[in-house]
């Protein structure tokens, strides 16, 4: 019976642990979902920032390309104007030549400003500026020679190839600057494309993860709902069982009273006195079981065990009276009672007598015939009651559940009770604002300790179910 009850308790503990694990998993899944959403938001923001940065780079590159193309166009226009003037003598061709200095300087200055953070570009721009200046000087010198009437010298300057070389070098520098700028842009856009692809994969993975988390949360939620329904059904079944026990216990009082009265009549008349005595004893034991069932039902159904506390209840006198009754009922037992000064408090005398009877009776039943020590003392504002025996220790697996209902220690023969005595004892002590503890091992035996406030509030009339 004890093994089965311990197994049931272990199963209940396991179910409680499993429920906590499922709830923690649900919380963890929700946290993971929130973290995934946050990560996706951060990745998308970074990707968007990269796209914006790439767009800025593209616009910057286009501005550099436009300035370089305008520089080359100004040089070409100036060279074309120079040749047209030399061939026709028409001064209208000189307009691009006259404007070339200002235009080329303006465009190169813009390129310099746009590429100020690039040292490699800066070297080529300086060289381009110098080459463009030489080319413009060559153009203007040729035009000056023509205007002075020295046509052969002007044509000779053209035939020398210096102007062509300068123009080719200017084109080359402009192409290199454009190529370098395009390469840098390609690197930036390539990185942006890689980041975009990575962001897409992360989004896809995050979406799949969120879908899996949603499925997990749905399964956990459904499982929790089923568990809640099952727990509700179990609670309802327990309430029904306890209500049934209460009704049964209440209804058994009448036939038990009739049996007890009949046994008393037989004892008085002297008919079969041993049998009558046995009937009375059995009826009394059944009556105590019924009382325990009723107390259990009150405690578990929310009403609480009723108390009728009285001021100045003398615990020492109450203890002596109960122990004397137990000595009479168990003449073979050795009960050593030691009390100090009188200890009084605001307690229910009947319920405290029940506590003492249950604890000493428990020691008599499970103490193996060893002497029982009962001590009462006052410690500051508390009454301290201890019941000790040197019998077999309470099994380790049963010790944490010793005050649970329907818990019984090892039985020598048939069980004599329902396993409710210690549960009811603990409930009565708790109702009085006190505490009860147990210590048990093979070396020191078993000791139950009850601590009660000596001055208790009169508002505690029933056991709290909290």
Protein backbone atom coordinates (compact mmCIF):
# COMPACT_ATOMS: atom_id res chain seq x y z
CA UNK A 1 0.00 0.00 0.00
CA UNK A 2 2.81 2.41 0.93
CA UNK A 3 4.66 1.68 -2.32
CA UNK A 4 1.51 2.29 -4.34
CA UNK A 5 0.84 5.57 -2.56
CA UNK A 6 4.43 6.73 -3.03
CA UNK A 7 4.22 5.76 -6.71
CA UNK A 8 1.00 7.77 -7.02
CA UNK A 9 2.69 10.74 -5.42
CA UNK A 10 5.66 10.36 -7.77
CA UNK A 11 3.29 10.22 -10.75
CA UNK A 12 1.57 13.38 -9.54
CA UNK A 13 4.96 15.08 -9.09
CA UNK A 14 5.95 13.95 -12.58
CA UNK A 15 2.73 15.34 -14.07
CA UNK A 16 3.31 18.65 -12.33
CA UNK A 17 6.90 18.74 -13.56
CA UNK A 18 5.82 17.85 -17.10
CA UNK A 19 3.20 20.63 -17.04
CA UNK A 20 5.85 23.14 -15.92
CA UNK A 21 8.18 21.93 -18.68
CA UNK A 22 5.44 22.38 -21.29
CA UNK A 23 4.68 25.88 -20.06
CA UNK A 24 8.38 26.74 -20.10
CA UNK A 25 8.61 25.42 -23.64
CA UNK A 26 5.68 27.59 -24.65
CA UNK A 27 7.35 30.63 -23.08
CA UNK A 28 10.65 29.70 -24.75
CA UNK A 29 8.90 29.32 -28.11
CA UNK A 30 7.29 32.75 -27.69
CA UNK A 31 10.69 34.26 -26.79
CA UNK A 32 12.28 32.58 -29.83
CA UNK A 33 9.49 33.90 -32.05
CA UNK A 34 10.00 37.43 -30.72
CA UNK A 35 13.79 37.10 -31.12
CA UNK A 36 13.34 35.83 -34.69
CA UNK A 37 11.06 38.73 -35.56
CA UNK A 38 13.55 41.16 -34.03
CA UNK A 39 16.43 39.56 -35.96
CA UNK A 40 14.45 39.75 -39.21
CA UNK A 41 13.66 43.40 -38.51
CA UNK A 42 17.33 44.19 -37.84
CA UNK A 43 18.48 42.31 -40.96
CA UNK A 44 15.91 44.05 -43.14
CA UNK A 45 16.85 47.45 -41.72
CA UNK A 46 20.54 46.76 -42.38
CA UNK A 47 19.71 45.59 -45.90
CA UNK A 48 17.64 48.69 -46.49
CA UNK A 49 20.49 50.83 -45.20
CA UNK A 50 22.84 49.01 -47.58
CA UNK A 51 20.48 49.63 -50.50
CA UNK A 52 20.22 53.31 -49.60
CA UNK A 53 24.01 53.49 -49.32
CA UNK A 54 24.39 51.77 -52.71
CA UNK A 55 21.94 54.22 -54.27
CA UNK A 56 24.04 57.07 -52.88
CA UNK A 57 27.16 55.45 -54.34
CA UNK A 58 25.47 55.11 -57.74
CA UNK A 59 24.48 58.77 -57.74
CA UNK A 60 28.01 59.73 -56.69
CA UNK A 61 29.50 57.62 -59.50
CA UNK A 62 27.18 59.17 -62.04
CA UNK A 63 28.20 62.64 -60.93
CA UNK A 64 31.90 61.73 -61.31
CA UNK A 65 31.25 60.18 -64.73
CA UNK A 66 29.37 63.26 -65.89
CA UNK A 67 32.17 65.58 -64.76
CA UNK A 68 34.82 63.43 -66.52
CA UNK A 69 32.79 63.21 -69.73
CA UNK A 70 32.27 66.98 -69.69
CA UNK A 71 36.04 67.47 -69.24
CA UNK A 72 36.76 65.25 -72.22
CA UNK A 73 34.01 66.91 -74.25
CA UNK A 74 35.42 70.38 -73.50
CA UNK A 75 38.90 69.29 -74.62
CA UNK A 76 37.54 67.69 -77.80
CA UNK A 77 35.43 70.76 -78.60
CA UNK A 78 38.46 72.98 -78.13
CA UNK A 79 40.62 70.78 -80.39
CA UNK A 80 37.89 70.64 -83.04
CA UNK A 81 37.51 74.43 -82.90
CA UNK A 82 41.28 74.86 -83.30
CA UNK A 83 41.41 72.71 -86.43
CA UNK A 84 38.31 74.32 -87.92
CA UNK A 85 39.85 77.77 -87.44
CA UNK A 86 43.16 76.69 -88.98
CA UNK A 87 41.37 75.20 -91.99
CA UNK A 88 38.88 78.00 -92.65
CA UNK A 89 40.18 81.03 -90.83
CA UNK A 90 36.65 81.54 -89.50
CA UNK A 91 36.94 83.03 -86.01
CA UNK A 92 33.62 81.51 -84.94
CA UNK A 93 35.49 78.24 -84.47
CA UNK A 94 37.50 79.83 -81.68
CA UNK A 95 34.55 80.04 -79.26
CA UNK A 96 35.17 76.51 -77.73
CA UNK A 97 38.89 77.34 -77.47
CA UNK A 98 38.23 80.56 -75.55
CA UNK A 99 35.77 78.82 -73.16
CA UNK A 100 37.86 75.66 -72.70
CA UNK A 101 40.04 76.96 -69.84
CA UNK A 102 37.10 77.89 -67.66
CA UNK A 103 35.03 74.77 -68.48
CA UNK A 104 37.86 72.26 -68.05
CA UNK A 105 38.97 73.87 -64.78
CA UNK A 106 35.37 73.78 -63.49
CA UNK A 107 34.84 70.14 -64.41
CA UNK A 108 38.18 68.98 -62.99
CA UNK A 109 37.44 70.87 -59.78
CA UNK A 110 34.12 69.01 -59.51
CA UNK A 111 35.87 65.68 -60.06
CA UNK A 112 38.43 66.60 -57.41
CA UNK A 113 35.68 67.42 -54.93
CA UNK A 114 33.75 64.21 -55.62
CA UNK A 115 36.84 61.98 -55.26
CA UNK A 116 38.45 63.77 -52.34
CA UNK A 117 38.37 60.59 -50.18
CA UNK A 118 40.18 58.44 -52.79
CA UNK A 119 44.00 58.87 -52.87
CA UNK A 120 44.39 56.70 -56.00
CA UNK A 121 41.96 58.86 -57.95
CA UNK A 122 43.63 62.00 -56.66
CA UNK A 123 46.96 61.18 -58.35
CA UNK A 124 45.30 60.66 -61.74
CA UNK A 125 43.25 63.84 -61.37
CA UNK A 126 46.38 65.92 -60.73
CA UNK A 127 47.99 64.42 -63.81
CA UNK A 128 44.80 65.02 -65.82
CA UNK A 129 44.74 68.64 -64.69
CA UNK A 130 48.35 69.12 -65.79
CA UNK A 131 47.81 67.32 -69.12
CA UNK A 132 44.64 69.33 -69.85
CA UNK A 133 46.48 72.58 -69.09
CA UNK A 134 49.30 71.63 -71.49
CA UNK A 135 46.78 70.66 -74.17
CA UNK A 136 44.95 73.95 -73.84
CA UNK A 137 48.24 75.86 -73.97
CA UNK A 138 49.17 73.94 -77.14
CA UNK A 139 45.83 74.84 -78.72
CA UNK A 140 46.10 78.50 -77.85
CA UNK A 141 49.76 78.66 -79.03
CA UNK A 142 48.81 77.16 -82.39
CA UNK A 143 45.93 79.64 -82.78
CA UNK A 144 48.28 82.52 -81.85
CA UNK A 145 50.80 81.44 -84.51
CA UNK A 146 48.04 81.36 -87.12
CA UNK A 147 46.72 84.75 -86.08
CA UNK A 148 50.21 86.23 -86.36
CA UNK A 149 50.35 85.07 -89.99
CA UNK A 150 52.83 82.25 -89.44
CA UNK A 151 50.70 79.48 -90.95
CA UNK A 152 53.64 77.12 -91.62
CA UNK A 153 54.66 77.25 -87.93
CA UNK A 154 51.07 76.58 -86.83
CA UNK A 155 50.79 73.60 -89.17
CA UNK A 156 54.18 72.39 -88.05
CA UNK A 157 53.04 72.41 -84.44
CA UNK A 158 50.11 70.23 -85.41
CA UNK A 159 52.28 67.89 -87.47
CA UNK A 160 54.68 67.44 -84.53
CA UNK A 161 52.11 65.15 -82.84
CA UNK A 162 52.50 66.75 -79.41
CA UNK A 163 48.90 67.91 -79.36
CA UNK A 164 47.68 64.43 -80.30
CA UNK A 165 49.84 62.85 -77.62
CA UNK A 166 48.47 65.21 -74.99
CA UNK A 167 44.91 64.54 -76.09
CA UNK A 168 45.45 60.78 -76.06
CA UNK A 169 46.94 60.98 -72.57
CA UNK A 170 43.98 63.06 -71.39
CA UNK A 171 41.55 60.50 -72.83
CA UNK A 172 43.51 57.67 -71.19
CA UNK A 173 43.47 59.36 -67.78
CA UNK A 174 39.75 60.07 -68.06
CA UNK A 175 39.07 56.44 -69.05
CA UNK A 176 41.20 55.18 -66.12
CA UNK A 177 39.34 57.45 -63.71
CA UNK A 178 36.02 56.22 -65.04
CA UNK A 179 37.12 52.59 -64.91
CA UNK A 180 38.37 52.94 -61.33
CA UNK A 181 35.14 54.60 -60.28
CA UNK A 182 33.08 51.89 -61.97
CA UNK A 183 35.17 49.18 -60.28
CA UNK A 184 34.58 50.70 -56.87
CA UNK A 185 30.89 50.99 -57.61
CA UNK A 186 30.80 47.36 -58.75
CA UNK A 187 32.43 46.29 -55.50
CA UNK A 188 29.88 48.22 -53.49
CA UNK A 189 26.91 47.01 -55.50
CA UNK A 190 28.30 43.46 -55.42
CA UNK A 191 28.46 43.62 -51.62
CA UNK A 192 24.94 45.04 -51.53
CA UNK A 193 23.71 42.24 -53.78
CA UNK A 194 25.36 39.66 -51.54
CA UNK A 195 23.80 41.25 -48.47
CA UNK A 196 20.46 41.32 -50.23
CA UNK A 197 20.71 37.62 -51.12
CA UNK A 198 21.75 36.83 -47.56
CA UNK A 199 18.85 38.89 -46.22
CA UNK A 200 16.47 37.03 -48.52
CA UNK A 201 17.75 33.67 -47.28
CA UNK A 202 17.54 34.88 -43.69
CA UNK A 203 13.99 36.07 -44.30
CA UNK A 204 13.08 32.73 -45.85
CA UNK A 205 14.72 30.85 -42.98
CA UNK A 206 13.09 33.15 -40.45
CA UNK A 207 9.72 32.67 -42.11
CA UNK A 208 10.13 28.89 -41.99
CA UNK A 209 11.29 29.15 -38.37
CA UNK A 210 8.29 31.29 -37.46
CA UNK A 211 6.02 28.81 -39.18
CA UNK A 212 7.57 25.95 -37.19
CA UNK A 213 7.32 27.99 -33.99
CA UNK A 214 3.69 28.76 -34.76
CA UNK A 215 3.02 25.04 -35.25
CA UNK A 216 4.89 24.30 -32.01
CA UNK A 217 2.92 26.94 -30.11
CA UNK A 218 -0.32 25.58 -31.56
CA UNK A 219 0.56 22.04 -30.51
CA UNK A 220 1.66 23.18 -27.04
CA UNK A 221 -1.44 25.34 -26.65
CA UNK A 222 -3.69 22.47 -27.70
CA UNK A 223 -1.84 20.11 -25.37
CA UNK A 224 -2.14 22.60 -22.49
CA UNK A 225 -5.84 22.99 -23.21
CA UNK A 226 -6.28 19.22 -23.13
CA UNK A 227 -4.26 19.02 -19.93
CA UNK A 228 -6.37 21.76 -18.37
CA UNK A 229 -9.52 19.89 -19.33
CA UNK A 230 -8.09 16.69 -17.89
CA UNK A 231 -7.05 18.46 -14.68
CA UNK A 232 -10.51 20.01 -14.40
CA UNK A 233 -12.08 16.59 -14.87
CA UNK A 234 -9.74 15.12 -12.26
CA UNK A 235 -10.55 17.94 -9.83
CA UNK A 236 -14.25 17.42 -10.40
CA UNK A 237 -13.81 13.69 -9.87
CA UNK A 238 -11.88 14.35 -6.65
CA UNK A 239 -14.51 16.78 -5.45
CA UNK A 240 -17.21 14.24 -6.24
CA UNK A 241 -15.28 11.54 -4.41
CA UNK A 242 -14.70 13.76 -1.39
CA UNK A 243 -18.35 14.83 -1.39
CA UNK A 244 -19.34 11.18 -1.55
CA UNK A 245 -16.99 10.38 1.33
CA UNK A 246 -18.50 13.22 3.34
CA UNK A 247 -22.04 12.09 2.68
CA UNK A 248 -21.11 8.49 3.42
CA UNK A 249 -19.38 9.45 6.67
CA UNK A 250 -22.35 11.55 7.74
CA UNK A 251 -24.85 8.81 6.96
CA UNK A 252 -22.80 6.18 8.81
CA UNK A 253 -23.12 8.06 12.07
CA UNK A 254 -26.70 6.89 12.70
CA UNK A 255 -26.12 3.11 12.29
CA UNK A 256 -22.88 3.39 14.25
CA UNK A 257 -24.71 5.13 17.06
CA UNK A 258 -27.30 2.33 17.05
CA UNK A 259 -24.54 -0.32 17.16
CA UNK A 260 -22.78 1.47 20.03
CA UNK A 261 -26.03 1.76 22.00
CA UNK A 262 -26.81 -1.91 21.38
CA UNK A 263 -23.34 -2.94 22.57
CA UNK A 264 -23.76 -0.80 25.71
CA UNK A 265 -27.11 -2.46 26.46
CA UNK A 266 -25.59 -5.94 26.05
CA UNK A 267 -22.73 -5.00 28.39
CA UNK A 268 -25.13 -3.73 31.05
CA UNK A 269 -27.27 -6.89 30.87
CA UNK A 270 -24.21 -9.10 31.07
CA UNK A 271 -25.04 -11.06 27.90
CA UNK A 272 -21.90 -12.15 26.04
CA UNK A 273 -19.89 -9.35 27.61
CA UNK A 274 -16.63 -10.06 25.68
CA UNK A 275 -18.52 -9.92 22.39
CA UNK A 276 -20.35 -6.77 23.44
CA UNK A 277 -17.04 -5.16 24.44
CA UNK A 278 -15.53 -6.06 21.06
CA UNK A 279 -18.55 -4.63 19.27
CA UNK A 280 -18.30 -1.39 21.25
CA UNK A 281 -14.55 -1.13 20.55
CA UNK A 282 -15.02 -1.74 16.84
CA UNK A 283 -17.89 0.75 16.69
CA UNK A 284 -15.73 3.33 18.48
CA UNK A 285 -12.92 2.79 15.97
CA UNK A 286 -15.35 3.11 13.09
CA UNK A 287 -16.71 6.27 14.67
CA UNK A 288 -13.22 7.75 14.75
CA UNK A 289 -12.74 6.83 11.09
CA UNK A 290 -16.03 8.51 10.21
CA UNK A 291 -14.95 11.63 12.09
CA UNK A 292 -11.67 11.63 10.18
CA UNK A 293 -13.50 11.29 6.86
CA UNK A 294 -15.73 14.22 7.77
CA UNK A 295 -12.72 16.32 8.81
CA UNK A 296 -11.00 15.45 5.52
CA UNK A 297 -14.07 16.47 3.54
CA UNK A 298 -14.35 19.79 5.41
CA UNK A 299 -10.66 20.53 4.87
CA UNK A 300 -10.64 19.63 1.16
CA UNK A 301 -14.04 21.03 0.18
CA UNK A 302 -13.32 24.54 1.40
CA UNK A 303 -15.30 24.70 4.61
CA UNK A 304 -12.35 23.99 6.88
CA UNK A 305 -12.30 22.01 10.11
CA UNK A 306 -14.38 24.02 12.60
CA UNK A 307 -12.58 25.30 15.70
CA UNK A 308 -13.98 26.50 18.98
CA UNK A 309 -10.96 28.14 20.62
CA UNK A 310 -11.16 29.06 24.28
CA UNK A 311 -9.03 31.55 26.12
CA UNK A 312 -6.56 30.31 28.72
CA UNK A 313 -6.72 26.71 27.51
CA UNK A 314 -4.21 24.86 29.69
CA UNK A 315 -2.19 22.65 27.37
CA UNK A 316 -0.33 20.91 30.22
CA UNK A 317 -3.55 19.69 31.83
CA UNK A 318 -4.92 18.67 28.44
CA UNK A 319 -1.74 16.73 27.65
CA UNK A 320 -1.75 14.94 31.01
CA UNK A 321 -5.41 13.94 30.58
CA UNK A 322 -4.94 12.52 27.08
CA UNK A 323 -1.75 10.65 28.00
CA UNK A 324 -3.50 9.13 31.06
CA UNK A 325 -6.32 7.86 28.83
CA UNK A 326 -3.80 6.31 26.42
CA UNK A 327 -1.94 4.65 29.31
CA UNK A 328 -5.18 3.04 30.41
CA UNK A 329 -5.93 1.89 26.84
CA UNK A 330 -2.35 0.63 26.38
CA UNK A 331 -1.14 -0.61 29.76
CA UNK A 332 1.85 -2.33 28.15
CA UNK A 333 3.18 0.92 26.66
CA UNK A 334 5.85 3.06 28.31
CA UNK A 335 4.91 6.73 27.91
CA UNK A 336 7.29 9.17 29.60
CA UNK A 337 5.53 12.54 30.03
CA UNK A 338 7.48 15.59 31.14
CA UNK A 339 5.98 19.05 31.36
CA UNK A 340 7.30 22.28 32.79
CA UNK A 341 5.29 25.27 33.89
CA UNK A 342 1.65 25.55 32.80
CA UNK A 343 1.31 26.62 29.15
CA UNK A 344 -1.93 28.40 28.23
CA UNK A 345 -3.22 29.88 24.98
CA UNK A 346 -6.21 30.61 22.79
CA UNK A 347 -6.80 27.07 21.50
CA UNK A 348 -9.61 24.63 20.85
CA UNK A 349 -9.21 22.05 23.69
CA UNK A 350 -11.00 19.24 21.83
CA UNK A 351 -8.99 19.72 18.67
CA UNK A 352 -5.70 19.99 20.60
CA UNK A 353 -6.62 16.78 22.42
CA UNK A 354 -7.11 15.24 18.98
CA UNK A 355 -3.62 16.43 17.96
CA UNK A 356 -2.02 14.91 21.08
CA UNK A 357 -3.98 11.66 20.73
CA UNK A 358 -3.04 11.31 17.05
CA UNK A 359 0.68 11.93 17.63
CA UNK A 360 1.02 9.68 20.68
CA UNK A 361 -1.25 7.06 19.07
CA UNK A 362 0.95 7.15 15.97
CA UNK A 363 4.01 6.53 18.17
CA UNK A 364 2.24 3.65 19.90
CA UNK A 365 1.30 2.05 16.57
CA UNK A 366 4.63 2.48 14.77
CA UNK A 367 7.10 2.69 17.66
CA UNK A 368 7.62 -1.04 17.85
CA UNK A 369 7.01 -1.09 21.60
CA UNK A 370 9.88 1.31 22.32
CA UNK A 371 9.45 3.92 25.09
CA UNK A 372 7.70 7.11 24.04
CA UNK A 373 8.84 10.51 25.27
CA UNK A 374 6.31 13.36 25.36
CA UNK A 375 7.64 16.82 26.21
CA UNK A 376 5.91 20.17 26.66
CA UNK A 377 7.76 23.44 27.17
CA UNK A 378 7.34 27.14 26.61
CA UNK A 379 9.84 28.92 24.35
CA UNK A 380 9.29 32.68 24.48
CA UNK A 381 5.75 33.21 23.14
CA UNK A 382 5.33 29.69 21.78
CA UNK A 383 4.30 26.33 23.15
CA UNK A 384 6.63 23.52 22.10
CA UNK A 385 5.26 19.95 22.06
CA UNK A 386 7.46 17.01 21.02
CA UNK A 387 6.59 13.31 20.71
CA UNK A 388 9.60 11.00 20.28
CA UNK A 389 10.02 7.27 19.93
CA UNK A 390 12.96 5.01 19.11
CA UNK A 391 11.03 2.72 16.81
CA UNK A 392 11.85 2.04 13.13
CA UNK A 393 12.52 5.17 11.11
CA UNK A 394 9.96 6.43 8.61
CA UNK A 395 11.02 5.38 5.06
CA UNK A 396 12.90 8.14 3.27
CA UNK A 397 10.56 8.08 0.28
CA UNK A 398 7.53 8.50 2.55
CA UNK A 399 8.91 11.21 4.82
CA UNK A 400 8.16 14.23 2.52
CA UNK A 401 4.53 13.05 2.19
CA UNK A 402 3.91 12.00 5.78
CA UNK A 403 1.31 14.76 6.32
CA UNK A 404 -0.57 14.02 3.08
CA UNK A 405 -3.98 12.34 3.35
CA UNK A 406 -4.16 8.54 3.09
CA UNK A 407 -0.46 8.13 3.92
CA UNK A 408 0.39 5.23 6.19
CA UNK A 409 3.73 3.98 7.37
CA UNK A 410 4.79 0.32 7.34
CA UNK A 411 2.05 -1.80 8.85
CA UNK A 412 2.56 -4.72 11.19
CA UNK A 413 -0.38 -6.79 10.05
CA UNK A 414 -3.62 -5.19 8.84
CA UNK A 415 -3.83 -1.38 8.71
CA UNK A 416 -5.75 0.10 11.65
CA UNK A 417 -6.72 3.42 10.11
CA UNK A 418 -7.28 5.38 6.94
CA UNK A 419 -3.99 7.27 7.01
CA UNK A 420 -5.74 10.55 7.84
CA UNK A 421 -4.52 11.10 11.40
CA UNK A 422 -1.34 13.03 10.61
CA UNK A 423 -3.05 14.98 7.82
CA UNK A 424 -5.81 16.14 10.17
CA UNK A 425 -3.23 16.83 12.90
CA UNK A 426 -1.26 19.07 10.58
CA UNK A 427 -4.42 20.88 9.47
CA UNK A 428 -5.49 21.53 13.07
CA UNK A 429 -2.03 22.84 13.98
CA UNK A 430 -2.01 25.08 10.91
CA UNK A 431 -5.49 26.36 11.79
CA UNK A 432 -4.14 27.45 15.18
CA UNK A 433 -1.35 29.39 13.45
CA UNK A 434 1.31 26.83 14.35
CA UNK A 435 3.69 24.50 12.56
CA UNK A 436 4.41 20.78 12.72
CA UNK A 437 7.61 19.08 11.57
CA UNK A 438 9.03 15.56 11.66
CA UNK A 439 12.57 14.23 11.90
CA UNK A 440 13.28 10.52 11.53
CA UNK A 441 16.36 8.34 11.14
CA UNK A 442 17.61 4.95 12.35
CA UNK A 443 20.02 6.43 14.90
CA UNK A 444 17.74 8.92 16.68
CA UNK A 445 14.29 7.50 16.01
CA UNK A 446 11.29 9.66 15.09
CA UNK A 447 10.37 13.04 16.57
CA UNK A 448 7.26 15.09 15.80
CA UNK A 449 7.52 18.74 16.88
CA UNK A 450 4.53 21.09 17.20
CA UNK A 451 5.01 24.82 17.70
CA UNK A 452 1.96 26.87 18.68
CA UNK A 453 1.65 30.59 19.39
CA UNK A 454 0.73 31.02 23.02
CA UNK A 455 -1.38 34.13 22.23
CA UNK A 456 -3.47 33.32 19.14
CA UNK A 457 -5.89 35.58 17.32
CA UNK A 458 -9.53 34.75 17.84
CA UNK A 459 -10.20 35.23 14.13
CA UNK A 460 -8.86 31.76 13.27
CA UNK A 461 -11.95 29.58 13.51
CA UNK A 462 -11.54 27.34 10.47
CA UNK A 463 -8.64 25.83 8.56
CA UNK A 464 -7.41 27.87 5.63
CA UNK A 465 -7.18 25.92 2.40
CA UNK A 466 -4.32 27.99 1.07
